[in-house]
Amino acid sequence: MRAVIQRVRSAKVEVAGEIIGEIGMGLLVLIGIHEADRPEMLTWMSDKLLGIRIFEDSDGKMNRSIQEVGGSLLVVSQFTLYGDCQKGRRPSFIAAARPEFASPMVDQLVQLLRNSGIRVETGRFGADMQVSLVNDGPVTLVLDAPVAKTNLN
């Protein structure tokens, strides 16, 4: 499981010209599900997204979490995070999970995040989406969930 997170002042996702998810200050989370991912990894990712300290404190240091600053999350599924560009000129997406597995995994992650009380907006799985954002910082990080269950710390 891979997430690209961006600290944003605002972000929105549109499908066919309709805004289907929009947030102010918070995190835009592009989430990709790998074919080898397992549901137990979702708790790790949820905890990491909710607890990662990338918002500034009163001293200007990245020392506060999304929960501490009262921000929101915009979660957008993106299978292309597992695109392999090593060979040829066209990316291979064979490592990305099939939609019938990935879609429920993304839904479960969103539910875990919502269970925390944080406002969570989403894109639409499998749709052609247009994502707009104002990156704050800019701050952009990549989170890769540990593969083995024994490494979920």
N, C-alpha and C. Protein backbone atom coordinates (compact mmCIF):
# COMPACT_ATOMS: atom_id res chain seq x y z
N MET A 1 0.85 -1.17 0.00
CA MET A 1 0.00 0.00 0.00
C MET A 1 0.90 1.23 0.00
N ARG A 2 0.57 2.14 -0.86
CA ARG A 2 1.39 3.34 -1.01
C ARG A 2 0.48 4.55 -0.99
N ALA A 3 0.91 5.55 -0.24
CA ALA A 3 0.18 6.82 -0.22
C ALA A 3 1.15 7.95 -0.54
N VAL A 4 0.72 8.84 -1.39
CA VAL A 4 1.42 10.10 -1.60
C VAL A 4 0.56 11.13 -0.90
N ILE A 5 1.15 11.79 0.10
CA ILE A 5 0.38 12.75 0.87
C ILE A 5 0.94 14.15 0.62
N GLN A 6 0.02 15.07 0.47
CA GLN A 6 0.40 16.46 0.27
C GLN A 6 -0.34 17.31 1.28
N ARG A 7 0.42 18.12 1.99
CA ARG A 7 -0.19 19.09 2.90
C ARG A 7 -0.76 20.20 2.03
N VAL A 8 -2.05 20.46 2.19
CA VAL A 8 -2.72 21.41 1.30
C VAL A 8 -3.44 22.51 2.08
N ARG A 9 -3.57 23.64 1.42
CA ARG A 9 -4.44 24.70 1.92
C ARG A 9 -5.87 24.43 1.47
N SER A 10 -5.97 23.77 0.30
CA SER A 10 -7.28 23.35 -0.21
C SER A 10 -7.05 22.31 -1.29
N ALA A 11 -8.07 21.48 -1.50
CA ALA A 11 -8.01 20.46 -2.56
C ALA A 11 -9.42 20.06 -2.93
N LYS A 12 -9.59 19.66 -4.18
CA LYS A 12 -10.90 19.18 -4.62
C LYS A 12 -10.71 18.15 -5.72
N VAL A 13 -11.73 17.32 -5.89
CA VAL A 13 -11.74 16.33 -6.95
C VAL A 13 -13.06 16.45 -7.69
N GLU A 14 -12.96 16.44 -9.02
CA GLU A 14 -14.13 16.56 -9.88
C GLU A 14 -14.25 15.35 -10.78
N VAL A 15 -15.49 14.99 -11.07
CA VAL A 15 -15.81 13.95 -12.05
C VAL A 15 -16.86 14.55 -12.98
N ALA A 16 -16.55 14.56 -14.27
CA ALA A 16 -17.47 15.08 -15.29
C ALA A 16 -17.95 16.50 -14.94
N GLY A 17 -17.04 17.34 -14.45
CA GLY A 17 -17.35 18.72 -14.14
C GLY A 17 -18.05 18.95 -12.81
N GLU A 18 -18.33 17.88 -12.07
CA GLU A 18 -19.00 18.00 -10.76
C GLU A 18 -17.99 17.78 -9.65
N ILE A 19 -17.96 18.70 -8.69
CA ILE A 19 -17.09 18.54 -7.52
C ILE A 19 -17.70 17.46 -6.64
N ILE A 20 -16.95 16.38 -6.41
CA ILE A 20 -17.48 15.28 -5.59
C ILE A 20 -16.79 15.20 -4.23
N GLY A 21 -15.68 15.91 -4.06
CA GLY A 21 -14.98 15.97 -2.78
C GLY A 21 -14.16 17.24 -2.72
N GLU A 22 -14.20 17.92 -1.58
CA GLU A 22 -13.47 19.18 -1.45
C GLU A 22 -13.14 19.41 0.02
N ILE A 23 -11.91 19.87 0.26
CA ILE A 23 -11.48 20.20 1.62
C ILE A 23 -10.76 21.54 1.63
N GLY A 24 -10.67 22.10 2.81
CA GLY A 24 -9.82 23.25 3.04
C GLY A 24 -8.46 22.73 3.50
N MET A 25 -7.94 23.28 4.57
CA MET A 25 -6.64 22.88 5.10
C MET A 25 -6.66 21.40 5.50
N GLY A 26 -5.61 20.69 5.09
CA GLY A 26 -5.52 19.28 5.45
C GLY A 26 -4.55 18.52 4.59
N LEU A 27 -4.91 17.27 4.30
CA LEU A 27 -4.05 16.39 3.51
C LEU A 27 -4.81 15.84 2.31
N LEU A 28 -4.17 15.94 1.14
CA LEU A 28 -4.62 15.20 -0.03
C LEU A 28 -3.86 13.89 0.01
N VAL A 29 -4.59 12.78 -0.02
CA VAL A 29 -3.99 11.45 0.06
C VAL A 29 -4.30 10.71 -1.22
N LEU A 30 -3.28 10.47 -2.03
CA LEU A 30 -3.42 9.61 -3.21
C LEU A 30 -3.03 8.22 -2.74
N ILE A 31 -3.94 7.26 -2.87
CA ILE A 31 -3.71 5.93 -2.29
C ILE A 31 -3.71 4.86 -3.38
N GLY A 32 -2.67 4.03 -3.36
CA GLY A 32 -2.57 2.92 -4.29
C GLY A 32 -2.53 1.61 -3.51
N ILE A 33 -3.24 0.62 -4.00
CA ILE A 33 -3.28 -0.69 -3.35
C ILE A 33 -2.47 -1.67 -4.21
N HIS A 34 -1.54 -2.35 -3.59
CA HIS A 34 -0.68 -3.34 -4.26
C HIS A 34 -1.37 -4.70 -4.24
N GLU A 35 -1.07 -5.52 -5.22
CA GLU A 35 -1.70 -6.84 -5.29
C GLU A 35 -1.43 -7.70 -4.06
N ALA A 36 -0.32 -7.45 -3.35
CA ALA A 36 0.03 -8.25 -2.18
C ALA A 36 -0.46 -7.65 -0.87
N ASP A 37 -1.12 -6.51 -0.91
CA ASP A 37 -1.60 -5.87 0.31
C ASP A 37 -2.67 -6.72 0.99
N ARG A 38 -2.75 -6.58 2.29
CA ARG A 38 -3.72 -7.31 3.10
C ARG A 38 -4.47 -6.33 4.00
N PRO A 39 -5.70 -6.66 4.36
CA PRO A 39 -6.52 -5.74 5.16
C PRO A 39 -5.86 -5.27 6.46
N GLU A 40 -5.05 -6.11 7.09
CA GLU A 40 -4.42 -5.68 8.34
C GLU A 40 -3.47 -4.50 8.16
N MET A 41 -3.06 -4.22 6.94
CA MET A 41 -2.20 -3.07 6.66
C MET A 41 -2.95 -1.75 6.73
N LEU A 42 -4.27 -1.81 6.64
CA LEU A 42 -5.08 -0.60 6.64
C LEU A 42 -4.98 0.16 7.96
N THR A 43 -4.92 -0.55 9.05
CA THR A 43 -4.80 0.11 10.35
C THR A 43 -3.48 0.87 10.45
N TRP A 44 -2.41 0.25 9.97
CA TRP A 44 -1.10 0.92 9.96
C TRP A 44 -1.19 2.22 9.17
N MET A 45 -1.76 2.15 7.96
CA MET A 45 -1.83 3.33 7.10
C MET A 45 -2.72 4.40 7.72
N SER A 46 -3.86 4.00 8.26
CA SER A 46 -4.75 4.96 8.90
C SER A 46 -4.05 5.65 10.06
N ASP A 47 -3.41 4.88 10.92
CA ASP A 47 -2.70 5.46 12.06
C ASP A 47 -1.60 6.41 11.60
N LYS A 48 -0.89 6.04 10.56
CA LYS A 48 0.20 6.88 10.05
C LYS A 48 -0.36 8.19 9.50
N LEU A 49 -1.43 8.11 8.71
CA LEU A 49 -2.03 9.32 8.13
C LEU A 49 -2.57 10.26 9.22
N LEU A 50 -3.17 9.69 10.23
CA LEU A 50 -3.74 10.51 11.30
C LEU A 50 -2.68 11.07 12.24
N GLY A 51 -1.57 10.38 12.37
CA GLY A 51 -0.57 10.77 13.35
C GLY A 51 0.67 11.46 12.82
N ILE A 52 0.88 11.42 11.49
CA ILE A 52 2.11 12.00 10.96
C ILE A 52 2.14 13.51 11.24
N ARG A 53 3.25 13.97 11.76
CA ARG A 53 3.36 15.36 12.22
C ARG A 53 4.02 16.20 11.13
N ILE A 54 3.19 16.74 10.25
CA ILE A 54 3.73 17.56 9.15
C ILE A 54 3.09 18.95 9.09
N PHE A 55 2.37 19.32 10.15
CA PHE A 55 1.82 20.66 10.25
C PHE A 55 2.64 21.44 11.26
N GLU A 56 2.81 22.71 11.00
CA GLU A 56 3.69 23.53 11.84
C GLU A 56 3.09 23.85 13.19
N ASP A 57 3.98 23.87 14.20
CA ASP A 57 3.59 24.31 15.53
C ASP A 57 3.87 25.80 15.65
N SER A 58 3.76 26.35 16.85
CA SER A 58 3.97 27.79 17.05
C SER A 58 5.40 28.22 16.79
N ASP A 59 6.34 27.28 16.77
CA ASP A 59 7.74 27.59 16.47
C ASP A 59 8.08 27.40 14.99
N GLY A 60 7.09 27.08 14.20
CA GLY A 60 7.32 26.88 12.77
C GLY A 60 7.91 25.53 12.41
N LYS A 61 7.92 24.59 13.36
CA LYS A 61 8.44 23.24 13.10
C LYS A 61 7.29 22.30 12.76
N MET A 62 7.56 21.35 11.85
CA MET A 62 6.54 20.35 11.54
C MET A 62 6.43 19.41 12.72
N ASN A 63 5.43 19.66 13.56
CA ASN A 63 5.33 18.94 14.82
C ASN A 63 3.88 18.64 15.21
N ARG A 64 2.93 18.89 14.30
CA ARG A 64 1.52 18.69 14.63
C ARG A 64 0.87 17.79 13.58
N SER A 65 -0.08 16.98 14.02
CA SER A 65 -0.79 16.04 13.15
C SER A 65 -2.07 16.67 12.61
N ILE A 66 -2.70 15.99 11.68
CA ILE A 66 -3.98 16.43 11.12
C ILE A 66 -5.03 16.55 12.23
N GLN A 67 -4.97 15.65 13.19
CA GLN A 67 -5.92 15.69 14.29
C GLN A 67 -5.69 16.92 15.17
N GLU A 68 -4.43 17.26 15.38
CA GLU A 68 -4.11 18.40 16.24
C GLU A 68 -4.47 19.74 15.62
N VAL A 69 -4.44 19.82 14.30
CA VAL A 69 -4.75 21.09 13.64
C VAL A 69 -6.20 21.19 13.19
N GLY A 70 -6.96 20.11 13.34
CA GLY A 70 -8.37 20.13 12.96
C GLY A 70 -8.60 20.19 11.46
N GLY A 71 -7.68 19.59 10.71
CA GLY A 71 -7.80 19.58 9.25
C GLY A 71 -8.67 18.45 8.74
N SER A 72 -8.76 18.36 7.43
CA SER A 72 -9.56 17.34 6.75
C SER A 72 -8.68 16.53 5.82
N LEU A 73 -9.23 15.42 5.34
CA LEU A 73 -8.53 14.56 4.40
C LEU A 73 -9.34 14.43 3.12
N LEU A 74 -8.65 14.43 2.00
CA LEU A 74 -9.26 14.11 0.71
C LEU A 74 -8.52 12.88 0.20
N VAL A 75 -9.20 11.74 0.16
CA VAL A 75 -8.59 10.46 -0.22
C VAL A 75 -9.01 10.12 -1.64
N VAL A 76 -8.02 9.92 -2.51
CA VAL A 76 -8.28 9.64 -3.91
C VAL A 76 -7.51 8.39 -4.31
N SER A 77 -8.22 7.38 -4.78
CA SER A 77 -7.55 6.14 -5.21
C SER A 77 -6.76 6.42 -6.48
N GLN A 78 -5.56 5.81 -6.56
CA GLN A 78 -4.71 6.03 -7.72
C GLN A 78 -3.82 4.81 -7.97
N PHE A 79 -4.31 3.92 -8.83
CA PHE A 79 -3.57 2.69 -9.13
C PHE A 79 -2.24 2.98 -9.79
N THR A 80 -2.09 4.15 -10.41
CA THR A 80 -0.84 4.46 -11.11
C THR A 80 0.35 4.62 -10.16
N LEU A 81 0.10 4.67 -8.85
CA LEU A 81 1.22 4.72 -7.91
C LEU A 81 2.07 3.45 -7.99
N TYR A 82 1.51 2.39 -8.56
CA TYR A 82 2.27 1.16 -8.75
C TYR A 82 2.64 0.94 -10.21
N GLY A 83 2.73 2.02 -10.96
CA GLY A 83 3.20 1.93 -12.33
C GLY A 83 4.70 1.65 -12.37
N ASP A 84 5.11 0.68 -13.16
CA ASP A 84 6.52 0.33 -13.31
C ASP A 84 6.99 0.85 -14.67
N CYS A 85 7.94 1.76 -14.63
CA CYS A 85 8.43 2.40 -15.85
C CYS A 85 9.84 1.96 -16.22
N GLN A 86 10.29 0.85 -15.66
CA GLN A 86 11.66 0.40 -15.89
C GLN A 86 11.91 -0.06 -17.33
N LYS A 87 10.92 -0.71 -17.93
CA LYS A 87 11.10 -1.25 -19.28
C LYS A 87 10.19 -0.52 -20.25
N GLY A 88 10.68 -0.32 -21.46
CA GLY A 88 9.87 0.27 -22.51
C GLY A 88 9.45 1.69 -22.19
N ARG A 89 8.43 2.14 -22.88
CA ARG A 89 7.95 3.52 -22.73
C ARG A 89 6.55 3.60 -22.16
N ARG A 90 5.90 2.47 -22.02
CA ARG A 90 4.56 2.44 -21.45
C ARG A 90 4.64 1.80 -20.07
N PRO A 91 4.10 2.47 -19.05
CA PRO A 91 4.14 1.88 -17.70
C PRO A 91 3.37 0.56 -17.64
N SER A 92 3.86 -0.32 -16.79
CA SER A 92 3.16 -1.57 -16.50
C SER A 92 2.50 -1.42 -15.14
N PHE A 93 1.26 -1.86 -15.04
CA PHE A 93 0.52 -1.73 -13.80
C PHE A 93 0.17 -3.08 -13.19
N ILE A 94 0.95 -4.11 -13.50
CA ILE A 94 0.61 -5.45 -13.04
C ILE A 94 0.72 -5.60 -11.53
N ALA A 95 1.49 -4.73 -10.86
CA ALA A 95 1.61 -4.82 -9.40
C ALA A 95 0.41 -4.19 -8.69
N ALA A 96 -0.35 -3.36 -9.39
CA ALA A 96 -1.52 -2.73 -8.77
C ALA A 96 -2.61 -3.79 -8.59
N ALA A 97 -3.29 -3.69 -7.46
CA ALA A 97 -4.36 -4.65 -7.16
C ALA A 97 -5.51 -4.49 -8.15
N ARG A 98 -6.18 -5.60 -8.42
CA ARG A 98 -7.36 -5.59 -9.29
C ARG A 98 -8.47 -4.76 -8.61
N PRO A 99 -9.31 -4.11 -9.40
CA PRO A 99 -10.35 -3.25 -8.83
C PRO A 99 -11.25 -3.95 -7.81
N GLU A 100 -11.59 -5.21 -8.03
CA GLU A 100 -12.48 -5.91 -7.11
C GLU A 100 -11.86 -6.11 -5.73
N PHE A 101 -10.54 -6.03 -5.64
CA PHE A 101 -9.84 -6.11 -4.36
C PHE A 101 -9.53 -4.70 -3.84
N ALA A 102 -9.06 -3.84 -4.73
CA ALA A 102 -8.59 -2.51 -4.33
C ALA A 102 -9.73 -1.61 -3.85
N SER A 103 -10.86 -1.64 -4.53
CA SER A 103 -11.96 -0.74 -4.16
C SER A 103 -12.43 -0.95 -2.72
N PRO A 104 -12.70 -2.20 -2.28
CA PRO A 104 -13.09 -2.37 -0.88
C PRO A 104 -11.98 -1.99 0.11
N MET A 105 -10.72 -2.17 -0.31
CA MET A 105 -9.62 -1.78 0.58
C MET A 105 -9.61 -0.26 0.78
N VAL A 106 -9.80 0.49 -0.29
CA VAL A 106 -9.85 1.95 -0.17
C VAL A 106 -11.05 2.35 0.69
N ASP A 107 -12.20 1.72 0.47
CA ASP A 107 -13.39 2.02 1.28
C ASP A 107 -13.13 1.75 2.77
N GLN A 108 -12.45 0.66 3.08
CA GLN A 108 -12.15 0.33 4.48
C GLN A 108 -11.19 1.35 5.08
N LEU A 109 -10.21 1.79 4.31
CA LEU A 109 -9.29 2.81 4.80
C LEU A 109 -10.05 4.10 5.11
N VAL A 110 -10.91 4.51 4.21
CA VAL A 110 -11.71 5.72 4.42
C VAL A 110 -12.56 5.58 5.69
N GLN A 111 -13.15 4.42 5.90
CA GLN A 111 -13.97 4.22 7.10
C GLN A 111 -13.13 4.30 8.37
N LEU A 112 -11.94 3.70 8.35
CA LEU A 112 -11.05 3.81 9.51
C LEU A 112 -10.71 5.27 9.80
N LEU A 113 -10.43 6.03 8.77
CA LEU A 113 -10.09 7.44 8.96
C LEU A 113 -11.30 8.21 9.50
N ARG A 114 -12.48 7.93 8.98
CA ARG A 114 -13.69 8.60 9.46
C ARG A 114 -14.01 8.24 10.91
N ASN A 115 -13.69 7.01 11.29
CA ASN A 115 -13.93 6.58 12.67
C ASN A 115 -13.16 7.43 13.68
N SER A 116 -12.11 8.11 13.24
CA SER A 116 -11.31 8.96 14.12
C SER A 116 -12.01 10.28 14.42
N GLY A 117 -13.06 10.60 13.65
CA GLY A 117 -13.74 11.87 13.82
C GLY A 117 -13.28 12.94 12.84
N ILE A 118 -12.25 12.64 12.08
CA ILE A 118 -11.74 13.58 11.07
C ILE A 118 -12.70 13.60 9.88
N ARG A 119 -12.90 14.78 9.32
CA ARG A 119 -13.71 14.88 8.09
C ARG A 119 -12.90 14.31 6.93
N VAL A 120 -13.51 13.38 6.21
CA VAL A 120 -12.85 12.72 5.09
C VAL A 120 -13.75 12.81 3.85
N GLU A 121 -13.20 13.39 2.80
CA GLU A 121 -13.85 13.43 1.50
C GLU A 121 -13.13 12.45 0.59
N THR A 122 -13.78 12.03 -0.50
CA THR A 122 -13.15 11.04 -1.38
C THR A 122 -13.38 11.38 -2.84
N GLY A 123 -12.57 10.72 -3.65
CA GLY A 123 -12.80 10.70 -5.09
C GLY A 123 -13.77 9.57 -5.38
N ARG A 124 -13.83 9.13 -6.64
CA ARG A 124 -14.70 8.03 -7.04
C ARG A 124 -13.83 6.96 -7.68
N PHE A 125 -13.80 5.79 -7.09
CA PHE A 125 -12.94 4.70 -7.54
C PHE A 125 -13.21 4.40 -9.02
N GLY A 126 -12.15 4.35 -9.80
CA GLY A 126 -12.24 3.97 -11.21
C GLY A 126 -12.70 5.07 -12.14
N ALA A 127 -13.06 6.23 -11.61
CA ALA A 127 -13.54 7.32 -12.46
C ALA A 127 -12.37 8.13 -13.02
N ASP A 128 -12.63 8.84 -14.09
CA ASP A 128 -11.69 9.81 -14.63
C ASP A 128 -11.87 11.07 -13.80
N MET A 129 -10.90 11.33 -12.93
CA MET A 129 -11.02 12.43 -11.97
C MET A 129 -10.04 13.55 -12.30
N GLN A 130 -10.43 14.75 -11.98
CA GLN A 130 -9.53 15.90 -12.05
C GLN A 130 -9.33 16.37 -10.61
N VAL A 131 -8.08 16.38 -10.19
CA VAL A 131 -7.75 16.75 -8.82
C VAL A 131 -7.02 18.09 -8.86
N SER A 132 -7.49 19.03 -8.05
CA SER A 132 -6.87 20.34 -7.94
C SER A 132 -6.45 20.55 -6.49
N LEU A 133 -5.32 21.23 -6.32
CA LEU A 133 -4.87 21.47 -4.95
C LEU A 133 -4.00 22.70 -4.88
N VAL A 134 -3.94 23.26 -3.68
CA VAL A 134 -2.96 24.28 -3.36
C VAL A 134 -2.06 23.64 -2.32
N ASN A 135 -0.87 23.22 -2.77
CA ASN A 135 0.08 22.54 -1.90
C ASN A 135 0.64 23.56 -0.92
N ASP A 136 0.67 23.22 0.35
CA ASP A 136 1.12 24.11 1.40
C ASP A 136 2.54 23.75 1.80
N GLY A 137 3.48 24.58 1.45
CA GLY A 137 4.87 24.35 1.82
C GLY A 137 5.83 24.57 0.68
N PRO A 138 5.88 23.75 -0.30
CA PRO A 138 5.13 22.52 -0.49
C PRO A 138 5.65 21.39 0.40
N VAL A 139 4.72 20.57 0.87
CA VAL A 139 5.07 19.37 1.63
C VAL A 139 4.42 18.19 0.94
N THR A 140 5.25 17.27 0.44
CA THR A 140 4.77 16.06 -0.23
C THR A 140 5.63 14.90 0.25
N LEU A 141 4.98 13.84 0.72
CA LEU A 141 5.68 12.66 1.23
C LEU A 141 5.08 11.39 0.64
N VAL A 142 5.90 10.35 0.58
CA VAL A 142 5.44 9.04 0.14
C VAL A 142 5.48 8.10 1.33
N LEU A 143 4.36 7.42 1.59
CA LEU A 143 4.28 6.43 2.67
C LEU A 143 4.08 5.05 2.04
N ASP A 144 4.98 4.14 2.32
CA ASP A 144 4.82 2.75 1.91
C ASP A 144 4.56 1.90 3.13
N ALA A 145 3.43 1.23 3.15
CA ALA A 145 3.10 0.36 4.27
C ALA A 145 4.06 -0.82 4.30
N PRO A 146 4.45 -1.26 5.49
CA PRO A 146 5.30 -2.45 5.60
C PRO A 146 4.60 -3.66 4.96
N VAL A 147 5.37 -4.50 4.32
CA VAL A 147 4.80 -5.64 3.61
C VAL A 147 4.42 -6.77 4.56
N ALA A 148 5.31 -7.15 5.45
CA ALA A 148 5.06 -8.29 6.33
C ALA A 148 4.27 -7.84 7.55
N LYS A 149 3.30 -8.67 7.95
CA LYS A 149 2.48 -8.36 9.12
C LYS A 149 3.33 -8.11 10.35
N THR A 150 4.43 -8.81 10.50
CA THR A 150 5.28 -8.66 11.67
C THR A 150 5.97 -7.30 11.70
N ASN A 151 5.97 -6.57 10.57
CA ASN A 151 6.62 -5.27 10.52
C ASN A 151 5.64 -4.10 10.70
N LEU A 152 4.40 -4.39 11.03
CA LEU A 152 3.41 -3.32 11.16
C LEU A 152 3.54 -2.65 12.53
N ASN A 153 4.52 -1.82 12.68
CA ASN A 153 4.76 -1.10 13.94
C ASN A 153 4.57 0.39 13.75
